[in-house]
Amino acid sequence: MHTIANVLTGLIALLHVWILVLEMFLWDKPYGLKAFGLTQAFATESRALAANQGLYNGFLAAGLFWGLALGDGGEHIKLFFLLCVLVAGIFGALTANRRILFIQAVPAGLALAFMLF
């Protein structure tokens, strides 16, 4: 169970690195427009906001990697950052796009379940 929790946590961290790249660097590029279903005009207008959001996703990834790097001593750190991802995923699903629940919250919930049980 511990190994599965760590693998899921690592995958979630990598996902948040990818989200950072999408939001900070590809937001107003063709791939970002398609990924988020944006118009060029909206993406251009909201680019700074998206970059800020991407930076926060990078902090989530950094926290998860930090917890993993500490081994058994990082359990509380992984718990905190997985809970942050879970809450962000639920909030995003309720306010922005329902897909976020499955992309962000469900994987975090699974990692938490394997970590705690």
N, C-alpha and C. Protein backbone atom coordinates (compact mmCIF):
# COMPACT_ATOMS: atom_id res chain seq x y z
N MET A 1 0.82 -1.20 0.00
CA MET A 1 0.00 0.00 0.00
C MET A 1 0.86 1.27 0.00
N HIS A 2 1.93 1.22 0.78
CA HIS A 2 2.82 2.38 0.86
C HIS A 2 3.45 2.69 -0.49
N THR A 3 3.87 1.64 -1.20
CA THR A 3 4.49 1.83 -2.51
C THR A 3 3.49 2.39 -3.50
N ILE A 4 2.26 1.88 -3.49
CA ILE A 4 1.22 2.38 -4.39
C ILE A 4 0.94 3.85 -4.10
N ALA A 5 0.86 4.20 -2.81
CA ALA A 5 0.62 5.60 -2.43
C ALA A 5 1.73 6.50 -2.95
N ASN A 6 2.98 6.05 -2.84
CA ASN A 6 4.11 6.86 -3.32
C ASN A 6 4.12 6.98 -4.84
N VAL A 7 3.78 5.90 -5.54
CA VAL A 7 3.71 5.97 -7.01
C VAL A 7 2.61 6.95 -7.43
N LEU A 8 1.44 6.84 -6.81
CA LEU A 8 0.35 7.77 -7.13
C LEU A 8 0.75 9.21 -6.80
N THR A 9 1.39 9.41 -5.69
CA THR A 9 1.83 10.75 -5.30
C THR A 9 2.82 11.31 -6.32
N GLY A 10 3.75 10.48 -6.77
CA GLY A 10 4.69 10.91 -7.80
C GLY A 10 4.01 11.27 -9.10
N LEU A 11 3.03 10.46 -9.50
CA LEU A 11 2.28 10.75 -10.72
C LEU A 11 1.49 12.05 -10.60
N ILE A 12 0.92 12.28 -9.43
CA ILE A 12 0.17 13.53 -9.20
C ILE A 12 1.13 14.72 -9.25
N ALA A 13 2.31 14.56 -8.68
CA ALA A 13 3.31 15.64 -8.74
C ALA A 13 3.68 15.94 -10.19
N LEU A 14 3.92 14.89 -10.97
CA LEU A 14 4.24 15.09 -12.40
C LEU A 14 3.08 15.75 -13.14
N LEU A 15 1.85 15.35 -12.82
CA LEU A 15 0.68 15.99 -13.42
C LEU A 15 0.68 17.49 -13.14
N HIS A 16 1.02 17.87 -11.91
CA HIS A 16 1.01 19.29 -11.58
C HIS A 16 2.16 20.05 -12.23
N VAL A 17 3.25 19.37 -12.50
CA VAL A 17 4.31 20.00 -13.30
C VAL A 17 3.78 20.27 -14.70
N TRP A 18 3.06 19.30 -15.27
CA TRP A 18 2.48 19.46 -16.60
C TRP A 18 1.45 20.59 -16.61
N ILE A 19 0.63 20.68 -15.56
CA ILE A 19 -0.34 21.76 -15.47
C ILE A 19 0.39 23.10 -15.39
N LEU A 20 1.50 23.16 -14.65
CA LEU A 20 2.31 24.38 -14.60
C LEU A 20 2.74 24.78 -16.00
N VAL A 21 3.26 23.83 -16.78
CA VAL A 21 3.71 24.12 -18.14
C VAL A 21 2.55 24.62 -18.99
N LEU A 22 1.41 23.94 -18.90
CA LEU A 22 0.24 24.36 -19.67
C LEU A 22 -0.19 25.79 -19.33
N GLU A 23 -0.27 26.08 -18.04
CA GLU A 23 -0.80 27.38 -17.62
C GLU A 23 0.21 28.51 -17.73
N MET A 24 1.48 28.21 -17.51
CA MET A 24 2.48 29.29 -17.55
C MET A 24 3.03 29.55 -18.93
N PHE A 25 3.15 28.50 -19.76
CA PHE A 25 3.86 28.65 -21.03
C PHE A 25 3.02 28.35 -22.27
N LEU A 26 1.97 27.55 -22.14
CA LEU A 26 1.20 27.14 -23.32
C LEU A 26 -0.24 27.68 -23.31
N TRP A 27 -0.59 28.48 -22.33
CA TRP A 27 -1.95 28.97 -22.16
C TRP A 27 -2.54 29.58 -23.42
N ASP A 28 -1.78 30.44 -24.08
CA ASP A 28 -2.29 31.14 -25.26
C ASP A 28 -1.72 30.57 -26.56
N LYS A 29 -1.14 29.38 -26.47
CA LYS A 29 -0.64 28.68 -27.66
C LYS A 29 -1.68 27.65 -28.09
N PRO A 30 -1.58 27.12 -29.30
CA PRO A 30 -2.61 26.19 -29.80
C PRO A 30 -2.90 25.02 -28.86
N TYR A 31 -1.86 24.42 -28.28
CA TYR A 31 -2.10 23.28 -27.39
C TYR A 31 -2.87 23.70 -26.13
N GLY A 32 -2.50 24.82 -25.56
CA GLY A 32 -3.20 25.34 -24.38
C GLY A 32 -4.63 25.72 -24.68
N LEU A 33 -4.83 26.36 -25.84
CA LEU A 33 -6.19 26.74 -26.23
C LEU A 33 -7.08 25.50 -26.33
N LYS A 34 -6.54 24.46 -26.94
CA LYS A 34 -7.32 23.22 -27.10
C LYS A 34 -7.53 22.53 -25.75
N ALA A 35 -6.48 22.45 -24.94
CA ALA A 35 -6.57 21.76 -23.65
C ALA A 35 -7.62 22.38 -22.73
N PHE A 36 -7.71 23.70 -22.75
CA PHE A 36 -8.63 24.39 -21.86
C PHE A 36 -9.90 24.89 -22.56
N GLY A 37 -10.00 24.67 -23.85
CA GLY A 37 -11.18 25.11 -24.59
C GLY A 37 -11.34 26.62 -24.61
N LEU A 38 -10.25 27.32 -24.85
CA LEU A 38 -10.25 28.78 -24.80
C LEU A 38 -10.25 29.40 -26.19
N THR A 39 -10.72 30.63 -26.26
CA THR A 39 -10.54 31.42 -27.46
C THR A 39 -9.20 32.15 -27.33
N GLN A 40 -8.63 32.54 -28.45
CA GLN A 40 -7.36 33.26 -28.43
C GLN A 40 -7.52 34.57 -27.65
N ALA A 41 -8.63 35.26 -27.86
CA ALA A 41 -8.84 36.55 -27.19
C ALA A 41 -8.87 36.38 -25.67
N PHE A 42 -9.61 35.39 -25.18
CA PHE A 42 -9.69 35.16 -23.74
C PHE A 42 -8.32 34.76 -23.19
N ALA A 43 -7.62 33.87 -23.90
CA ALA A 43 -6.32 33.41 -23.44
C ALA A 43 -5.32 34.57 -23.36
N THR A 44 -5.36 35.45 -24.33
CA THR A 44 -4.46 36.60 -24.33
C THR A 44 -4.77 37.51 -23.13
N GLU A 45 -6.06 37.75 -22.89
CA GLU A 45 -6.48 38.61 -21.78
C GLU A 45 -6.15 38.03 -20.41
N SER A 46 -6.21 36.70 -20.29
CA SER A 46 -6.07 36.05 -18.99
C SER A 46 -4.71 35.39 -18.78
N ARG A 47 -3.77 35.68 -19.66
CA ARG A 47 -2.47 35.00 -19.61
C ARG A 47 -1.76 35.20 -18.26
N ALA A 48 -1.76 36.38 -17.72
CA ALA A 48 -1.08 36.63 -16.45
C ALA A 48 -1.75 35.88 -15.31
N LEU A 49 -3.06 35.82 -15.32
CA LEU A 49 -3.78 35.07 -14.29
C LEU A 49 -3.46 33.58 -14.38
N ALA A 50 -3.41 33.06 -15.60
CA ALA A 50 -3.10 31.65 -15.80
C ALA A 50 -1.68 31.33 -15.34
N ALA A 51 -0.75 32.22 -15.61
CA ALA A 51 0.64 32.00 -15.17
C ALA A 51 0.72 31.94 -13.65
N ASN A 52 -0.02 32.80 -12.99
CA ASN A 52 -0.07 32.79 -11.53
C ASN A 52 -0.65 31.46 -11.03
N GLN A 53 -1.70 31.02 -11.66
CA GLN A 53 -2.33 29.74 -11.32
C GLN A 53 -1.36 28.59 -11.56
N GLY A 54 -0.62 28.65 -12.65
CA GLY A 54 0.38 27.62 -12.94
C GLY A 54 1.47 27.56 -11.89
N LEU A 55 1.88 28.72 -11.41
CA LEU A 55 2.89 28.77 -10.37
C LEU A 55 2.40 28.04 -9.11
N TYR A 56 1.15 28.24 -8.75
CA TYR A 56 0.59 27.53 -7.59
C TYR A 56 0.59 26.02 -7.82
N ASN A 57 0.30 25.59 -9.03
CA ASN A 57 0.37 24.16 -9.32
C ASN A 57 1.80 23.65 -9.18
N GLY A 58 2.75 24.47 -9.54
CA GLY A 58 4.15 24.11 -9.35
C GLY A 58 4.50 23.95 -7.87
N PHE A 59 3.94 24.80 -7.02
CA PHE A 59 4.17 24.66 -5.58
C PHE A 59 3.58 23.36 -5.06
N LEU A 60 2.41 22.97 -5.58
CA LEU A 60 1.83 21.68 -5.18
C LEU A 60 2.77 20.54 -5.57
N ALA A 61 3.28 20.58 -6.79
CA ALA A 61 4.21 19.55 -7.24
C ALA A 61 5.47 19.53 -6.38
N ALA A 62 6.02 20.70 -6.09
CA ALA A 62 7.23 20.78 -5.27
C ALA A 62 7.01 20.18 -3.89
N GLY A 63 5.86 20.47 -3.30
CA GLY A 63 5.56 19.91 -1.98
C GLY A 63 5.45 18.40 -2.01
N LEU A 64 4.82 17.87 -3.05
CA LEU A 64 4.71 16.41 -3.17
C LEU A 64 6.07 15.77 -3.39
N PHE A 65 6.90 16.36 -4.25
CA PHE A 65 8.25 15.84 -4.46
C PHE A 65 9.08 15.92 -3.17
N TRP A 66 8.92 16.99 -2.44
CA TRP A 66 9.62 17.17 -1.17
C TRP A 66 9.24 16.05 -0.20
N GLY A 67 7.95 15.81 -0.07
CA GLY A 67 7.50 14.74 0.81
C GLY A 67 8.04 13.38 0.39
N LEU A 68 8.04 13.12 -0.91
CA LEU A 68 8.59 11.86 -1.41
C LEU A 68 10.08 11.75 -1.12
N ALA A 69 10.80 12.84 -1.29
CA ALA A 69 12.26 12.83 -1.10
C ALA A 69 12.64 12.55 0.35
N LEU A 70 11.77 12.89 1.28
CA LEU A 70 12.06 12.67 2.70
C LEU A 70 11.78 11.24 3.15
N GLY A 71 11.24 10.42 2.26
CA GLY A 71 10.95 9.03 2.63
C GLY A 71 9.88 8.96 3.71
N ASP A 72 10.09 8.08 4.69
CA ASP A 72 9.10 7.92 5.76
C ASP A 72 8.91 9.19 6.57
N GLY A 73 9.92 10.04 6.61
CA GLY A 73 9.81 11.31 7.34
C GLY A 73 8.95 12.35 6.63
N GLY A 74 8.55 12.06 5.40
CA GLY A 74 7.75 13.02 4.63
C GLY A 74 6.26 12.72 4.58
N GLU A 75 5.81 11.79 5.40
CA GLU A 75 4.39 11.40 5.35
C GLU A 75 3.45 12.58 5.62
N HIS A 76 3.78 13.39 6.62
CA HIS A 76 2.91 14.53 6.94
C HIS A 76 2.91 15.57 5.82
N ILE A 77 4.04 15.74 5.19
CA ILE A 77 4.13 16.70 4.08
C ILE A 77 3.31 16.22 2.90
N LYS A 78 3.45 14.92 2.56
CA LYS A 78 2.64 14.36 1.47
C LYS A 78 1.16 14.46 1.80
N LEU A 79 0.80 14.17 3.04
CA LEU A 79 -0.61 14.26 3.47
C LEU A 79 -1.13 15.68 3.26
N PHE A 80 -0.38 16.67 3.71
CA PHE A 80 -0.81 18.07 3.56
C PHE A 80 -1.00 18.44 2.10
N PHE A 81 0.00 18.14 1.26
CA PHE A 81 -0.09 18.56 -0.14
C PHE A 81 -1.13 17.76 -0.92
N LEU A 82 -1.32 16.49 -0.60
CA LEU A 82 -2.39 15.72 -1.25
C LEU A 82 -3.75 16.28 -0.86
N LEU A 83 -3.91 16.69 0.39
CA LEU A 83 -5.17 17.33 0.80
C LEU A 83 -5.37 18.65 0.06
N CYS A 84 -4.30 19.40 -0.13
CA CYS A 84 -4.39 20.65 -0.91
C CYS A 84 -4.86 20.36 -2.33
N VAL A 85 -4.28 19.33 -2.96
CA VAL A 85 -4.67 18.96 -4.32
C VAL A 85 -6.13 18.52 -4.34
N LEU A 86 -6.54 17.74 -3.35
CA LEU A 86 -7.93 17.28 -3.28
C LEU A 86 -8.90 18.45 -3.18
N VAL A 87 -8.62 19.37 -2.27
CA VAL A 87 -9.49 20.54 -2.09
C VAL A 87 -9.50 21.40 -3.35
N ALA A 88 -8.33 21.63 -3.94
CA ALA A 88 -8.26 22.42 -5.18
C ALA A 88 -9.05 21.74 -6.30
N GLY A 89 -8.95 20.42 -6.38
CA GLY A 89 -9.68 19.68 -7.41
C GLY A 89 -11.18 19.76 -7.23
N ILE A 90 -11.64 19.64 -6.00
CA ILE A 90 -13.08 19.74 -5.72
C ILE A 90 -13.56 21.16 -6.02
N PHE A 91 -12.82 22.15 -5.56
CA PHE A 91 -13.20 23.54 -5.82
C PHE A 91 -13.22 23.84 -7.32
N GLY A 92 -12.19 23.38 -8.02
CA GLY A 92 -12.14 23.59 -9.47
C GLY A 92 -13.30 22.91 -10.19
N ALA A 93 -13.67 21.72 -9.73
CA ALA A 93 -14.79 21.01 -10.35
C ALA A 93 -16.11 21.75 -10.12
N LEU A 94 -16.24 22.35 -8.96
CA LEU A 94 -17.47 23.08 -8.65
C LEU A 94 -17.55 24.44 -9.33
N THR A 95 -16.40 25.06 -9.56
CA THR A 95 -16.42 26.44 -10.06
C THR A 95 -15.96 26.62 -11.50
N ALA A 96 -15.18 25.68 -12.02
CA ALA A 96 -14.61 25.90 -13.35
C ALA A 96 -15.03 24.82 -14.35
N ASN A 97 -14.68 23.56 -14.07
CA ASN A 97 -14.93 22.50 -15.03
C ASN A 97 -15.02 21.17 -14.29
N ARG A 98 -16.07 20.45 -14.51
CA ARG A 98 -16.31 19.19 -13.80
C ARG A 98 -15.20 18.16 -14.03
N ARG A 99 -14.53 18.25 -15.18
CA ARG A 99 -13.43 17.31 -15.48
C ARG A 99 -12.31 17.37 -14.45
N ILE A 100 -12.14 18.52 -13.81
CA ILE A 100 -11.08 18.68 -12.82
C ILE A 100 -11.25 17.69 -11.67
N LEU A 101 -12.48 17.34 -11.38
CA LEU A 101 -12.73 16.35 -10.33
C LEU A 101 -11.99 15.04 -10.62
N PHE A 102 -12.04 14.62 -11.87
CA PHE A 102 -11.45 13.34 -12.26
C PHE A 102 -9.95 13.44 -12.56
N ILE A 103 -9.51 14.62 -12.99
CA ILE A 103 -8.10 14.81 -13.32
C ILE A 103 -7.28 15.08 -12.06
N GLN A 104 -7.85 15.78 -11.11
CA GLN A 104 -7.09 16.24 -9.96
C GLN A 104 -7.57 15.63 -8.64
N ALA A 105 -8.86 15.73 -8.35
CA ALA A 105 -9.36 15.33 -7.03
C ALA A 105 -9.38 13.82 -6.83
N VAL A 106 -9.88 13.08 -7.80
CA VAL A 106 -9.96 11.62 -7.65
C VAL A 106 -8.58 10.99 -7.47
N PRO A 107 -7.58 11.34 -8.30
CA PRO A 107 -6.25 10.76 -8.05
C PRO A 107 -5.70 11.12 -6.67
N ALA A 108 -5.90 12.35 -6.22
CA ALA A 108 -5.43 12.73 -4.88
C ALA A 108 -6.16 11.93 -3.81
N GLY A 109 -7.45 11.74 -3.98
CA GLY A 109 -8.22 10.94 -3.03
C GLY A 109 -7.73 9.50 -2.98
N LEU A 110 -7.41 8.93 -4.15
CA LEU A 110 -6.89 7.58 -4.19
C LEU A 110 -5.53 7.49 -3.49
N ALA A 111 -4.65 8.43 -3.77
CA ALA A 111 -3.34 8.44 -3.13
C ALA A 111 -3.50 8.56 -1.61
N LEU A 112 -4.41 9.41 -1.17
CA LEU A 112 -4.66 9.57 0.27
C LEU A 112 -5.19 8.26 0.86
N ALA A 113 -6.11 7.61 0.16
CA ALA A 113 -6.66 6.37 0.67
C ALA A 113 -5.56 5.30 0.82
N PHE A 114 -4.70 5.18 -0.17
CA PHE A 114 -3.61 4.20 -0.08
C PHE A 114 -2.61 4.60 0.99
N MET A 115 -2.46 5.88 1.21
CA MET A 115 -1.51 6.36 2.21
C MET A 115 -2.02 6.10 3.63
N LEU A 116 -3.31 6.28 3.82
CA LEU A 116 -3.89 6.20 5.17
C LEU A 116 -4.35 4.80 5.57
N PHE A 117 -4.58 3.93 4.59
CA PHE A 117 -5.14 2.62 4.96
C PHE A 117 -4.23 1.49 4.58
